[in-house]
Amino acid sequence: LIKAFYPSLFFNYVNKNSIEIKNL
């Protein structure tokens, strides 16, 4: 789900409930 809706090109995985913004 994270990969589909919050791709790694734009976000870093932090934990199962959080992501870090990289590029917008």
PDBML (XML) file of the C-alpha atoms, coordinates in Angstrom:
<?xml version="1.0" encoding="UTF-8" ?>
<PDBx:datablock datablockName="MODEL"
   xmlns:PDBx="http://pdbml.pdb.org/schema/pdbx-v50.xsd"
   xmlns:xsi="http://www.w3.org/2001/XMLSchema-instance"
   xsi:schemaLocation="http://pdbml.pdb.org/schema/pdbx-v50.xsd pdbx-v50.xsd">
   <PDBx:atom_siteCategory>
      <PDBx:atom_site id="1">
         <PDBx:B_iso_or_equiv>0.00</PDBx:B_iso_or_equiv>
         <PDBx:Cartn_x>0.000</PDBx:Cartn_x>
         <PDBx:Cartn_y>0.000</PDBx:Cartn_y>
         <PDBx:Cartn_z>0.000</PDBx:Cartn_z>
         <PDBx:auth_asym_id>A</PDBx:auth_asym_id>
         <PDBx:auth_atom_id>CA</PDBx:auth_atom_id>
         <PDBx:auth_comp_id>LEU</PDBx:auth_comp_id>
         <PDBx:auth_seq_id>1</PDBx:auth_seq_id>
         <PDBx:group_PDB>ATOM</PDBx:group_PDB>
         <PDBx:label_alt_id xsi:nil="true" />
         <PDBx:label_asym_id>A</PDBx:label_asym_id>
         <PDBx:label_atom_id>CA</PDBx:label_atom_id>
         <PDBx:label_comp_id>LEU</PDBx:label_comp_id>
         <PDBx:label_entity_id>1</PDBx:label_entity_id>
         <PDBx:label_seq_id>1</PDBx:label_seq_id>
         <PDBx:occupancy>1.00</PDBx:occupancy>
         <PDBx:pdbx_PDB_model_num>1</PDBx:pdbx_PDB_model_num>
         <PDBx:type_symbol>C</PDBx:type_symbol>
      </PDBx:atom_site>
      <PDBx:atom_site id="2">
         <PDBx:B_iso_or_equiv>0.00</PDBx:B_iso_or_equiv>
         <PDBx:Cartn_x>2.808</PDBx:Cartn_x>
         <PDBx:Cartn_y>2.404</PDBx:Cartn_y>
         <PDBx:Cartn_z>0.900</PDBx:Cartn_z>
         <PDBx:auth_asym_id>A</PDBx:auth_asym_id>
         <PDBx:auth_atom_id>CA</PDBx:auth_atom_id>
         <PDBx:auth_comp_id>ILE</PDBx:auth_comp_id>
         <PDBx:auth_seq_id>2</PDBx:auth_seq_id>
         <PDBx:group_PDB>ATOM</PDBx:group_PDB>
         <PDBx:label_alt_id xsi:nil="true" />
         <PDBx:label_asym_id>A</PDBx:label_asym_id>
         <PDBx:label_atom_id>CA</PDBx:label_atom_id>
         <PDBx:label_comp_id>ILE</PDBx:label_comp_id>
         <PDBx:label_entity_id>1</PDBx:label_entity_id>
         <PDBx:label_seq_id>2</PDBx:label_seq_id>
         <PDBx:occupancy>1.00</PDBx:occupancy>
         <PDBx:pdbx_PDB_model_num>1</PDBx:pdbx_PDB_model_num>
         <PDBx:type_symbol>C</PDBx:type_symbol>
      </PDBx:atom_site>
      <PDBx:atom_site id="3">
         <PDBx:B_iso_or_equiv>0.00</PDBx:B_iso_or_equiv>
         <PDBx:Cartn_x>4.636</PDBx:Cartn_x>
         <PDBx:Cartn_y>1.598</PDBx:Cartn_y>
         <PDBx:Cartn_z>-2.335</PDBx:Cartn_z>
         <PDBx:auth_asym_id>A</PDBx:auth_asym_id>
         <PDBx:auth_atom_id>CA</PDBx:auth_atom_id>
         <PDBx:auth_comp_id>LYS</PDBx:auth_comp_id>
         <PDBx:auth_seq_id>3</PDBx:auth_seq_id>
         <PDBx:group_PDB>ATOM</PDBx:group_PDB>
         <PDBx:label_alt_id xsi:nil="true" />
         <PDBx:label_asym_id>A</PDBx:label_asym_id>
         <PDBx:label_atom_id>CA</PDBx:label_atom_id>
         <PDBx:label_comp_id>LYS</PDBx:label_comp_id>
         <PDBx:label_entity_id>1</PDBx:label_entity_id>
         <PDBx:label_seq_id>3</PDBx:label_seq_id>
         <PDBx:occupancy>1.00</PDBx:occupancy>
         <PDBx:pdbx_PDB_model_num>1</PDBx:pdbx_PDB_model_num>
         <PDBx:type_symbol>C</PDBx:type_symbol>
      </PDBx:atom_site>
      <PDBx:atom_site id="4">
         <PDBx:B_iso_or_equiv>0.00</PDBx:B_iso_or_equiv>
         <PDBx:Cartn_x>1.451</PDBx:Cartn_x>
         <PDBx:Cartn_y>2.105</PDBx:Cartn_y>
         <PDBx:Cartn_z>-4.383</PDBx:Cartn_z>
         <PDBx:auth_asym_id>A</PDBx:auth_asym_id>
         <PDBx:auth_atom_id>CA</PDBx:auth_atom_id>
         <PDBx:auth_comp_id>ALA</PDBx:auth_comp_id>
         <PDBx:auth_seq_id>4</PDBx:auth_seq_id>
         <PDBx:group_PDB>ATOM</PDBx:group_PDB>
         <PDBx:label_alt_id xsi:nil="true" />
         <PDBx:label_asym_id>A</PDBx:label_asym_id>
         <PDBx:label_atom_id>CA</PDBx:label_atom_id>
         <PDBx:label_comp_id>ALA</PDBx:label_comp_id>
         <PDBx:label_entity_id>1</PDBx:label_entity_id>
         <PDBx:label_seq_id>4</PDBx:label_seq_id>
         <PDBx:occupancy>1.00</PDBx:occupancy>
         <PDBx:pdbx_PDB_model_num>1</PDBx:pdbx_PDB_model_num>
         <PDBx:type_symbol>C</PDBx:type_symbol>
      </PDBx:atom_site>
      <PDBx:atom_site id="5">
         <PDBx:B_iso_or_equiv>0.00</PDBx:B_iso_or_equiv>
         <PDBx:Cartn_x>0.318</PDBx:Cartn_x>
         <PDBx:Cartn_y>5.382</PDBx:Cartn_y>
         <PDBx:Cartn_z>-2.809</PDBx:Cartn_z>
         <PDBx:auth_asym_id>A</PDBx:auth_asym_id>
         <PDBx:auth_atom_id>CA</PDBx:auth_atom_id>
         <PDBx:auth_comp_id>PHE</PDBx:auth_comp_id>
         <PDBx:auth_seq_id>5</PDBx:auth_seq_id>
         <PDBx:group_PDB>ATOM</PDBx:group_PDB>
         <PDBx:label_alt_id xsi:nil="true" />
         <PDBx:label_asym_id>A</PDBx:label_asym_id>
         <PDBx:label_atom_id>CA</PDBx:label_atom_id>
         <PDBx:label_comp_id>PHE</PDBx:label_comp_id>
         <PDBx:label_entity_id>1</PDBx:label_entity_id>
         <PDBx:label_seq_id>5</PDBx:label_seq_id>
         <PDBx:occupancy>1.00</PDBx:occupancy>
         <PDBx:pdbx_PDB_model_num>1</PDBx:pdbx_PDB_model_num>
         <PDBx:type_symbol>C</PDBx:type_symbol>
      </PDBx:atom_site>
      <PDBx:atom_site id="6">
         <PDBx:B_iso_or_equiv>0.00</PDBx:B_iso_or_equiv>
         <PDBx:Cartn_x>3.573</PDBx:Cartn_x>
         <PDBx:Cartn_y>6.908</PDBx:Cartn_y>
         <PDBx:Cartn_z>-1.505</PDBx:Cartn_z>
         <PDBx:auth_asym_id>A</PDBx:auth_asym_id>
         <PDBx:auth_atom_id>CA</PDBx:auth_atom_id>
         <PDBx:auth_comp_id>TYR</PDBx:auth_comp_id>
         <PDBx:auth_seq_id>6</PDBx:auth_seq_id>
         <PDBx:group_PDB>ATOM</PDBx:group_PDB>
         <PDBx:label_alt_id xsi:nil="true" />
         <PDBx:label_asym_id>A</PDBx:label_asym_id>
         <PDBx:label_atom_id>CA</PDBx:label_atom_id>
         <PDBx:label_comp_id>TYR</PDBx:label_comp_id>
         <PDBx:label_entity_id>1</PDBx:label_entity_id>
         <PDBx:label_seq_id>6</PDBx:label_seq_id>
         <PDBx:occupancy>1.00</PDBx:occupancy>
         <PDBx:pdbx_PDB_model_num>1</PDBx:pdbx_PDB_model_num>
         <PDBx:type_symbol>C</PDBx:type_symbol>
      </PDBx:atom_site>
      <PDBx:atom_site id="7">
         <PDBx:B_iso_or_equiv>0.00</PDBx:B_iso_or_equiv>
         <PDBx:Cartn_x>6.298</PDBx:Cartn_x>
         <PDBx:Cartn_y>5.929</PDBx:Cartn_y>
         <PDBx:Cartn_z>-4.024</PDBx:Cartn_z>
         <PDBx:auth_asym_id>A</PDBx:auth_asym_id>
         <PDBx:auth_atom_id>CA</PDBx:auth_atom_id>
         <PDBx:auth_comp_id>PRO</PDBx:auth_comp_id>
         <PDBx:auth_seq_id>7</PDBx:auth_seq_id>
         <PDBx:group_PDB>ATOM</PDBx:group_PDB>
         <PDBx:label_alt_id xsi:nil="true" />
         <PDBx:label_asym_id>A</PDBx:label_asym_id>
         <PDBx:label_atom_id>CA</PDBx:label_atom_id>
         <PDBx:label_comp_id>PRO</PDBx:label_comp_id>
         <PDBx:label_entity_id>1</PDBx:label_entity_id>
         <PDBx:label_seq_id>7</PDBx:label_seq_id>
         <PDBx:occupancy>1.00</PDBx:occupancy>
         <PDBx:pdbx_PDB_model_num>1</PDBx:pdbx_PDB_model_num>
         <PDBx:type_symbol>C</PDBx:type_symbol>
      </PDBx:atom_site>
      <PDBx:atom_site id="8">
         <PDBx:B_iso_or_equiv>0.00</PDBx:B_iso_or_equiv>
         <PDBx:Cartn_x>9.938</PDBx:Cartn_x>
         <PDBx:Cartn_y>5.897</PDBx:Cartn_y>
         <PDBx:Cartn_z>-2.909</PDBx:Cartn_z>
         <PDBx:auth_asym_id>A</PDBx:auth_asym_id>
         <PDBx:auth_atom_id>CA</PDBx:auth_atom_id>
         <PDBx:auth_comp_id>SER</PDBx:auth_comp_id>
         <PDBx:auth_seq_id>8</PDBx:auth_seq_id>
         <PDBx:group_PDB>ATOM</PDBx:group_PDB>
         <PDBx:label_alt_id xsi:nil="true" />
         <PDBx:label_asym_id>A</PDBx:label_asym_id>
         <PDBx:label_atom_id>CA</PDBx:label_atom_id>
         <PDBx:label_comp_id>SER</PDBx:label_comp_id>
         <PDBx:label_entity_id>1</PDBx:label_entity_id>
         <PDBx:label_seq_id>8</PDBx:label_seq_id>
         <PDBx:occupancy>1.00</PDBx:occupancy>
         <PDBx:pdbx_PDB_model_num>1</PDBx:pdbx_PDB_model_num>
         <PDBx:type_symbol>C</PDBx:type_symbol>
      </PDBx:atom_site>
      <PDBx:atom_site id="9">
         <PDBx:B_iso_or_equiv>0.00</PDBx:B_iso_or_equiv>
         <PDBx:Cartn_x>10.845</PDBx:Cartn_x>
         <PDBx:Cartn_y>8.455</PDBx:Cartn_y>
         <PDBx:Cartn_z>-5.577</PDBx:Cartn_z>
         <PDBx:auth_asym_id>A</PDBx:auth_asym_id>
         <PDBx:auth_atom_id>CA</PDBx:auth_atom_id>
         <PDBx:auth_comp_id>LEU</PDBx:auth_comp_id>
         <PDBx:auth_seq_id>9</PDBx:auth_seq_id>
         <PDBx:group_PDB>ATOM</PDBx:group_PDB>
         <PDBx:label_alt_id xsi:nil="true" />
         <PDBx:label_asym_id>A</PDBx:label_asym_id>
         <PDBx:label_atom_id>CA</PDBx:label_atom_id>
         <PDBx:label_comp_id>LEU</PDBx:label_comp_id>
         <PDBx:label_entity_id>1</PDBx:label_entity_id>
         <PDBx:label_seq_id>9</PDBx:label_seq_id>
         <PDBx:occupancy>1.00</PDBx:occupancy>
         <PDBx:pdbx_PDB_model_num>1</PDBx:pdbx_PDB_model_num>
         <PDBx:type_symbol>C</PDBx:type_symbol>
      </PDBx:atom_site>
      <PDBx:atom_site id="10">
         <PDBx:B_iso_or_equiv>0.00</PDBx:B_iso_or_equiv>
         <PDBx:Cartn_x>9.024</PDBx:Cartn_x>
         <PDBx:Cartn_y>11.035</PDBx:Cartn_y>
         <PDBx:Cartn_z>-3.465</PDBx:Cartn_z>
         <PDBx:auth_asym_id>A</PDBx:auth_asym_id>
         <PDBx:auth_atom_id>CA</PDBx:auth_atom_id>
         <PDBx:auth_comp_id>PHE</PDBx:auth_comp_id>
         <PDBx:auth_seq_id>10</PDBx:auth_seq_id>
         <PDBx:group_PDB>ATOM</PDBx:group_PDB>
         <PDBx:label_alt_id xsi:nil="true" />
         <PDBx:label_asym_id>A</PDBx:label_asym_id>
         <PDBx:label_atom_id>CA</PDBx:label_atom_id>
         <PDBx:label_comp_id>PHE</PDBx:label_comp_id>
         <PDBx:label_entity_id>1</PDBx:label_entity_id>
         <PDBx:label_seq_id>10</PDBx:label_seq_id>
         <PDBx:occupancy>1.00</PDBx:occupancy>
         <PDBx:pdbx_PDB_model_num>1</PDBx:pdbx_PDB_model_num>
         <PDBx:type_symbol>C</PDBx:type_symbol>
      </PDBx:atom_site>
      <PDBx:atom_site id="11">
         <PDBx:B_iso_or_equiv>0.00</PDBx:B_iso_or_equiv>
         <PDBx:Cartn_x>9.037</PDBx:Cartn_x>
         <PDBx:Cartn_y>9.596</PDBx:Cartn_y>
         <PDBx:Cartn_z>0.062</PDBx:Cartn_z>
         <PDBx:auth_asym_id>A</PDBx:auth_asym_id>
         <PDBx:auth_atom_id>CA</PDBx:auth_atom_id>
         <PDBx:auth_comp_id>PHE</PDBx:auth_comp_id>
         <PDBx:auth_seq_id>11</PDBx:auth_seq_id>
         <PDBx:group_PDB>ATOM</PDBx:group_PDB>
         <PDBx:label_alt_id xsi:nil="true" />
         <PDBx:label_asym_id>A</PDBx:label_asym_id>
         <PDBx:label_atom_id>CA</PDBx:label_atom_id>
         <PDBx:label_comp_id>PHE</PDBx:label_comp_id>
         <PDBx:label_entity_id>1</PDBx:label_entity_id>
         <PDBx:label_seq_id>11</PDBx:label_seq_id>
         <PDBx:occupancy>1.00</PDBx:occupancy>
         <PDBx:pdbx_PDB_model_num>1</PDBx:pdbx_PDB_model_num>
         <PDBx:type_symbol>C</PDBx:type_symbol>
      </PDBx:atom_site>
      <PDBx:atom_site id="12">
         <PDBx:B_iso_or_equiv>0.00</PDBx:B_iso_or_equiv>
         <PDBx:Cartn_x>11.220</PDBx:Cartn_x>
         <PDBx:Cartn_y>7.669</PDBx:Cartn_y>
         <PDBx:Cartn_z>2.516</PDBx:Cartn_z>
         <PDBx:auth_asym_id>A</PDBx:auth_asym_id>
         <PDBx:auth_atom_id>CA</PDBx:auth_atom_id>
         <PDBx:auth_comp_id>ASN</PDBx:auth_comp_id>
         <PDBx:auth_seq_id>12</PDBx:auth_seq_id>
         <PDBx:group_PDB>ATOM</PDBx:group_PDB>
         <PDBx:label_alt_id xsi:nil="true" />
         <PDBx:label_asym_id>A</PDBx:label_asym_id>
         <PDBx:label_atom_id>CA</PDBx:label_atom_id>
         <PDBx:label_comp_id>ASN</PDBx:label_comp_id>
         <PDBx:label_entity_id>1</PDBx:label_entity_id>
         <PDBx:label_seq_id>12</PDBx:label_seq_id>
         <PDBx:occupancy>1.00</PDBx:occupancy>
         <PDBx:pdbx_PDB_model_num>1</PDBx:pdbx_PDB_model_num>
         <PDBx:type_symbol>C</PDBx:type_symbol>
      </PDBx:atom_site>
      <PDBx:atom_site id="13">
         <PDBx:B_iso_or_equiv>0.00</PDBx:B_iso_or_equiv>
         <PDBx:Cartn_x>9.740</PDBx:Cartn_x>
         <PDBx:Cartn_y>4.929</PDBx:Cartn_y>
         <PDBx:Cartn_z>4.654</PDBx:Cartn_z>
         <PDBx:auth_asym_id>A</PDBx:auth_asym_id>
         <PDBx:auth_atom_id>CA</PDBx:auth_atom_id>
         <PDBx:auth_comp_id>TYR</PDBx:auth_comp_id>
         <PDBx:auth_seq_id>13</PDBx:auth_seq_id>
         <PDBx:group_PDB>ATOM</PDBx:group_PDB>
         <PDBx:label_alt_id xsi:nil="true" />
         <PDBx:label_asym_id>A</PDBx:label_asym_id>
         <PDBx:label_atom_id>CA</PDBx:label_atom_id>
         <PDBx:label_comp_id>TYR</PDBx:label_comp_id>
         <PDBx:label_entity_id>1</PDBx:label_entity_id>
         <PDBx:label_seq_id>13</PDBx:label_seq_id>
         <PDBx:occupancy>1.00</PDBx:occupancy>
         <PDBx:pdbx_PDB_model_num>1</PDBx:pdbx_PDB_model_num>
         <PDBx:type_symbol>C</PDBx:type_symbol>
      </PDBx:atom_site>
      <PDBx:atom_site id="14">
         <PDBx:B_iso_or_equiv>0.00</PDBx:B_iso_or_equiv>
         <PDBx:Cartn_x>10.033</PDBx:Cartn_x>
         <PDBx:Cartn_y>5.779</PDBx:Cartn_y>
         <PDBx:Cartn_z>8.386</PDBx:Cartn_z>
         <PDBx:auth_asym_id>A</PDBx:auth_asym_id>
         <PDBx:auth_atom_id>CA</PDBx:auth_atom_id>
         <PDBx:auth_comp_id>VAL</PDBx:auth_comp_id>
         <PDBx:auth_seq_id>14</PDBx:auth_seq_id>
         <PDBx:group_PDB>ATOM</PDBx:group_PDB>
         <PDBx:label_alt_id xsi:nil="true" />
         <PDBx:label_asym_id>A</PDBx:label_asym_id>
         <PDBx:label_atom_id>CA</PDBx:label_atom_id>
         <PDBx:label_comp_id>VAL</PDBx:label_comp_id>
         <PDBx:label_entity_id>1</PDBx:label_entity_id>
         <PDBx:label_seq_id>14</PDBx:label_seq_id>
         <PDBx:occupancy>1.00</PDBx:occupancy>
         <PDBx:pdbx_PDB_model_num>1</PDBx:pdbx_PDB_model_num>
         <PDBx:type_symbol>C</PDBx:type_symbol>
      </PDBx:atom_site>
      <PDBx:atom_site id="15">
         <PDBx:B_iso_or_equiv>0.00</PDBx:B_iso_or_equiv>
         <PDBx:Cartn_x>7.790</PDBx:Cartn_x>
         <PDBx:Cartn_y>3.193</PDBx:Cartn_y>
         <PDBx:Cartn_z>10.039</PDBx:Cartn_z>
         <PDBx:auth_asym_id>A</PDBx:auth_asym_id>
         <PDBx:auth_atom_id>CA</PDBx:auth_atom_id>
         <PDBx:auth_comp_id>ASN</PDBx:auth_comp_id>
         <PDBx:auth_seq_id>15</PDBx:auth_seq_id>
         <PDBx:group_PDB>ATOM</PDBx:group_PDB>
         <PDBx:label_alt_id xsi:nil="true" />
         <PDBx:label_asym_id>A</PDBx:label_asym_id>
         <PDBx:label_atom_id>CA</PDBx:label_atom_id>
         <PDBx:label_comp_id>ASN</PDBx:label_comp_id>
         <PDBx:label_entity_id>1</PDBx:label_entity_id>
         <PDBx:label_seq_id>15</PDBx:label_seq_id>
         <PDBx:occupancy>1.00</PDBx:occupancy>
         <PDBx:pdbx_PDB_model_num>1</PDBx:pdbx_PDB_model_num>
         <PDBx:type_symbol>C</PDBx:type_symbol>
      </PDBx:atom_site>
      <PDBx:atom_site id="16">
         <PDBx:B_iso_or_equiv>0.00</PDBx:B_iso_or_equiv>
         <PDBx:Cartn_x>4.485</PDBx:Cartn_x>
         <PDBx:Cartn_y>1.444</PDBx:Cartn_y>
         <PDBx:Cartn_z>9.368</PDBx:Cartn_z>
         <PDBx:auth_asym_id>A</PDBx:auth_asym_id>
         <PDBx:auth_atom_id>CA</PDBx:auth_atom_id>
         <PDBx:auth_comp_id>LYS</PDBx:auth_comp_id>
         <PDBx:auth_seq_id>16</PDBx:auth_seq_id>
         <PDBx:group_PDB>ATOM</PDBx:group_PDB>
         <PDBx:label_alt_id xsi:nil="true" />
         <PDBx:label_asym_id>A</PDBx:label_asym_id>
         <PDBx:label_atom_id>CA</PDBx:label_atom_id>
         <PDBx:label_comp_id>LYS</PDBx:label_comp_id>
         <PDBx:label_entity_id>1</PDBx:label_entity_id>
         <PDBx:label_seq_id>16</PDBx:label_seq_id>
         <PDBx:occupancy>1.00</PDBx:occupancy>
         <PDBx:pdbx_PDB_model_num>1</PDBx:pdbx_PDB_model_num>
         <PDBx:type_symbol>C</PDBx:type_symbol>
      </PDBx:atom_site>
      <PDBx:atom_site id="17">
         <PDBx:B_iso_or_equiv>0.00</PDBx:B_iso_or_equiv>
         <PDBx:Cartn_x>2.496</PDBx:Cartn_x>
         <PDBx:Cartn_y>4.624</PDBx:Cartn_y>
         <PDBx:Cartn_z>10.033</PDBx:Cartn_z>
         <PDBx:auth_asym_id>A</PDBx:auth_asym_id>
         <PDBx:auth_atom_id>CA</PDBx:auth_atom_id>
         <PDBx:auth_comp_id>ASN</PDBx:auth_comp_id>
         <PDBx:auth_seq_id>17</PDBx:auth_seq_id>
         <PDBx:group_PDB>ATOM</PDBx:group_PDB>
         <PDBx:label_alt_id xsi:nil="true" />
         <PDBx:label_asym_id>A</PDBx:label_asym_id>
         <PDBx:label_atom_id>CA</PDBx:label_atom_id>
         <PDBx:label_comp_id>ASN</PDBx:label_comp_id>
         <PDBx:label_entity_id>1</PDBx:label_entity_id>
         <PDBx:label_seq_id>17</PDBx:label_seq_id>
         <PDBx:occupancy>1.00</PDBx:occupancy>
         <PDBx:pdbx_PDB_model_num>1</PDBx:pdbx_PDB_model_num>
         <PDBx:type_symbol>C</PDBx:type_symbol>
      </PDBx:atom_site>
      <PDBx:atom_site id="18">
         <PDBx:B_iso_or_equiv>0.00</PDBx:B_iso_or_equiv>
         <PDBx:Cartn_x>4.868</PDBx:Cartn_x>
         <PDBx:Cartn_y>7.390</PDBx:Cartn_y>
         <PDBx:Cartn_z>8.894</PDBx:Cartn_z>
         <PDBx:auth_asym_id>A</PDBx:auth_asym_id>
         <PDBx:auth_atom_id>CA</PDBx:auth_atom_id>
         <PDBx:auth_comp_id>SER</PDBx:auth_comp_id>
         <PDBx:auth_seq_id>18</PDBx:auth_seq_id>
         <PDBx:group_PDB>ATOM</PDBx:group_PDB>
         <PDBx:label_alt_id xsi:nil="true" />
         <PDBx:label_asym_id>A</PDBx:label_asym_id>
         <PDBx:label_atom_id>CA</PDBx:label_atom_id>
         <PDBx:label_comp_id>SER</PDBx:label_comp_id>
         <PDBx:label_entity_id>1</PDBx:label_entity_id>
         <PDBx:label_seq_id>18</PDBx:label_seq_id>
         <PDBx:occupancy>1.00</PDBx:occupancy>
         <PDBx:pdbx_PDB_model_num>1</PDBx:pdbx_PDB_model_num>
         <PDBx:type_symbol>C</PDBx:type_symbol>
      </PDBx:atom_site>
      <PDBx:atom_site id="19">
         <PDBx:B_iso_or_equiv>0.00</PDBx:B_iso_or_equiv>
         <PDBx:Cartn_x>6.800</PDBx:Cartn_x>
         <PDBx:Cartn_y>8.516</PDBx:Cartn_y>
         <PDBx:Cartn_z>5.855</PDBx:Cartn_z>
         <PDBx:auth_asym_id>A</PDBx:auth_asym_id>
         <PDBx:auth_atom_id>CA</PDBx:auth_atom_id>
         <PDBx:auth_comp_id>ILE</PDBx:auth_comp_id>
         <PDBx:auth_seq_id>19</PDBx:auth_seq_id>
         <PDBx:group_PDB>ATOM</PDBx:group_PDB>
         <PDBx:label_alt_id xsi:nil="true" />
         <PDBx:label_asym_id>A</PDBx:label_asym_id>
         <PDBx:label_atom_id>CA</PDBx:label_atom_id>
         <PDBx:label_comp_id>ILE</PDBx:label_comp_id>
         <PDBx:label_entity_id>1</PDBx:label_entity_id>
         <PDBx:label_seq_id>19</PDBx:label_seq_id>
         <PDBx:occupancy>1.00</PDBx:occupancy>
         <PDBx:pdbx_PDB_model_num>1</PDBx:pdbx_PDB_model_num>
         <PDBx:type_symbol>C</PDBx:type_symbol>
      </PDBx:atom_site>
      <PDBx:atom_site id="20">
         <PDBx:B_iso_or_equiv>0.00</PDBx:B_iso_or_equiv>
         <PDBx:Cartn_x>9.300</PDBx:Cartn_x>
         <PDBx:Cartn_y>11.289</PDBx:Cartn_y>
         <PDBx:Cartn_z>5.228</PDBx:Cartn_z>
         <PDBx:auth_asym_id>A</PDBx:auth_asym_id>
         <PDBx:auth_atom_id>CA</PDBx:auth_atom_id>
         <PDBx:auth_comp_id>GLU</PDBx:auth_comp_id>
         <PDBx:auth_seq_id>20</PDBx:auth_seq_id>
         <PDBx:group_PDB>ATOM</PDBx:group_PDB>
         <PDBx:label_alt_id xsi:nil="true" />
         <PDBx:label_asym_id>A</PDBx:label_asym_id>
         <PDBx:label_atom_id>CA</PDBx:label_atom_id>
         <PDBx:label_comp_id>GLU</PDBx:label_comp_id>
         <PDBx:label_entity_id>1</PDBx:label_entity_id>
         <PDBx:label_seq_id>20</PDBx:label_seq_id>
         <PDBx:occupancy>1.00</PDBx:occupancy>
         <PDBx:pdbx_PDB_model_num>1</PDBx:pdbx_PDB_model_num>
         <PDBx:type_symbol>C</PDBx:type_symbol>
      </PDBx:atom_site>
      <PDBx:atom_site id="21">
         <PDBx:B_iso_or_equiv>0.00</PDBx:B_iso_or_equiv>
         <PDBx:Cartn_x>8.795</PDBx:Cartn_x>
         <PDBx:Cartn_y>13.700</PDBx:Cartn_y>
         <PDBx:Cartn_z>2.328</PDBx:Cartn_z>
         <PDBx:auth_asym_id>A</PDBx:auth_asym_id>
         <PDBx:auth_atom_id>CA</PDBx:auth_atom_id>
         <PDBx:auth_comp_id>ILE</PDBx:auth_comp_id>
         <PDBx:auth_seq_id>21</PDBx:auth_seq_id>
         <PDBx:group_PDB>ATOM</PDBx:group_PDB>
         <PDBx:label_alt_id xsi:nil="true" />
         <PDBx:label_asym_id>A</PDBx:label_asym_id>
         <PDBx:label_atom_id>CA</PDBx:label_atom_id>
         <PDBx:label_comp_id>ILE</PDBx:label_comp_id>
         <PDBx:label_entity_id>1</PDBx:label_entity_id>
         <PDBx:label_seq_id>21</PDBx:label_seq_id>
         <PDBx:occupancy>1.00</PDBx:occupancy>
         <PDBx:pdbx_PDB_model_num>1</PDBx:pdbx_PDB_model_num>
         <PDBx:type_symbol>C</PDBx:type_symbol>
      </PDBx:atom_site>
      <PDBx:atom_site id="22">
         <PDBx:B_iso_or_equiv>0.00</PDBx:B_iso_or_equiv>
         <PDBx:Cartn_x>11.698</PDBx:Cartn_x>
         <PDBx:Cartn_y>13.880</PDBx:Cartn_y>
         <PDBx:Cartn_z>-0.150</PDBx:Cartn_z>
         <PDBx:auth_asym_id>A</PDBx:auth_asym_id>
         <PDBx:auth_atom_id>CA</PDBx:auth_atom_id>
         <PDBx:auth_comp_id>LYS</PDBx:auth_comp_id>
         <PDBx:auth_seq_id>22</PDBx:auth_seq_id>
         <PDBx:group_PDB>ATOM</PDBx:group_PDB>
         <PDBx:label_alt_id xsi:nil="true" />
         <PDBx:label_asym_id>A</PDBx:label_asym_id>
         <PDBx:label_atom_id>CA</PDBx:label_atom_id>
         <PDBx:label_comp_id>LYS</PDBx:label_comp_id>
         <PDBx:label_entity_id>1</PDBx:label_entity_id>
         <PDBx:label_seq_id>22</PDBx:label_seq_id>
         <PDBx:occupancy>1.00</PDBx:occupancy>
         <PDBx:pdbx_PDB_model_num>1</PDBx:pdbx_PDB_model_num>
         <PDBx:type_symbol>C</PDBx:type_symbol>
      </PDBx:atom_site>
      <PDBx:atom_site id="23">
         <PDBx:B_iso_or_equiv>0.00</PDBx:B_iso_or_equiv>
         <PDBx:Cartn_x>10.538</PDBx:Cartn_x>
         <PDBx:Cartn_y>15.536</PDBx:Cartn_y>
         <PDBx:Cartn_z>-3.383</PDBx:Cartn_z>
         <PDBx:auth_asym_id>A</PDBx:auth_asym_id>
         <PDBx:auth_atom_id>CA</PDBx:auth_atom_id>
         <PDBx:auth_comp_id>ASN</PDBx:auth_comp_id>
         <PDBx:auth_seq_id>23</PDBx:auth_seq_id>
         <PDBx:group_PDB>ATOM</PDBx:group_PDB>
         <PDBx:label_alt_id xsi:nil="true" />
         <PDBx:label_asym_id>A</PDBx:label_asym_id>
         <PDBx:label_atom_id>CA</PDBx:label_atom_id>
         <PDBx:label_comp_id>ASN</PDBx:label_comp_id>
         <PDBx:label_entity_id>1</PDBx:label_entity_id>
         <PDBx:label_seq_id>23</PDBx:label_seq_id>
         <PDBx:occupancy>1.00</PDBx:occupancy>
         <PDBx:pdbx_PDB_model_num>1</PDBx:pdbx_PDB_model_num>
         <PDBx:type_symbol>C</PDBx:type_symbol>
      </PDBx:atom_site>
      <PDBx:atom_site id="24">
         <PDBx:B_iso_or_equiv>0.00</PDBx:B_iso_or_equiv>
         <PDBx:Cartn_x>7.349</PDBx:Cartn_x>
         <PDBx:Cartn_y>17.373</PDBx:Cartn_y>
         <PDBx:Cartn_z>-4.313</PDBx:Cartn_z>
         <PDBx:auth_asym_id>A</PDBx:auth_asym_id>
         <PDBx:auth_atom_id>CA</PDBx:auth_atom_id>
         <PDBx:auth_comp_id>LEU</PDBx:auth_comp_id>
         <PDBx:auth_seq_id>24</PDBx:auth_seq_id>
         <PDBx:group_PDB>ATOM</PDBx:group_PDB>
         <PDBx:label_alt_id xsi:nil="true" />
         <PDBx:label_asym_id>A</PDBx:label_asym_id>
         <PDBx:label_atom_id>CA</PDBx:label_atom_id>
         <PDBx:label_comp_id>LEU</PDBx:label_comp_id>
         <PDBx:label_entity_id>1</PDBx:label_entity_id>
         <PDBx:label_seq_id>24</PDBx:label_seq_id>
         <PDBx:occupancy>1.00</PDBx:occupancy>
         <PDBx:pdbx_PDB_model_num>1</PDBx:pdbx_PDB_model_num>
         <PDBx:type_symbol>C</PDBx:type_symbol>
      </PDBx:atom_site>
   </PDBx:atom_siteCategory>
</PDBx:datablock>
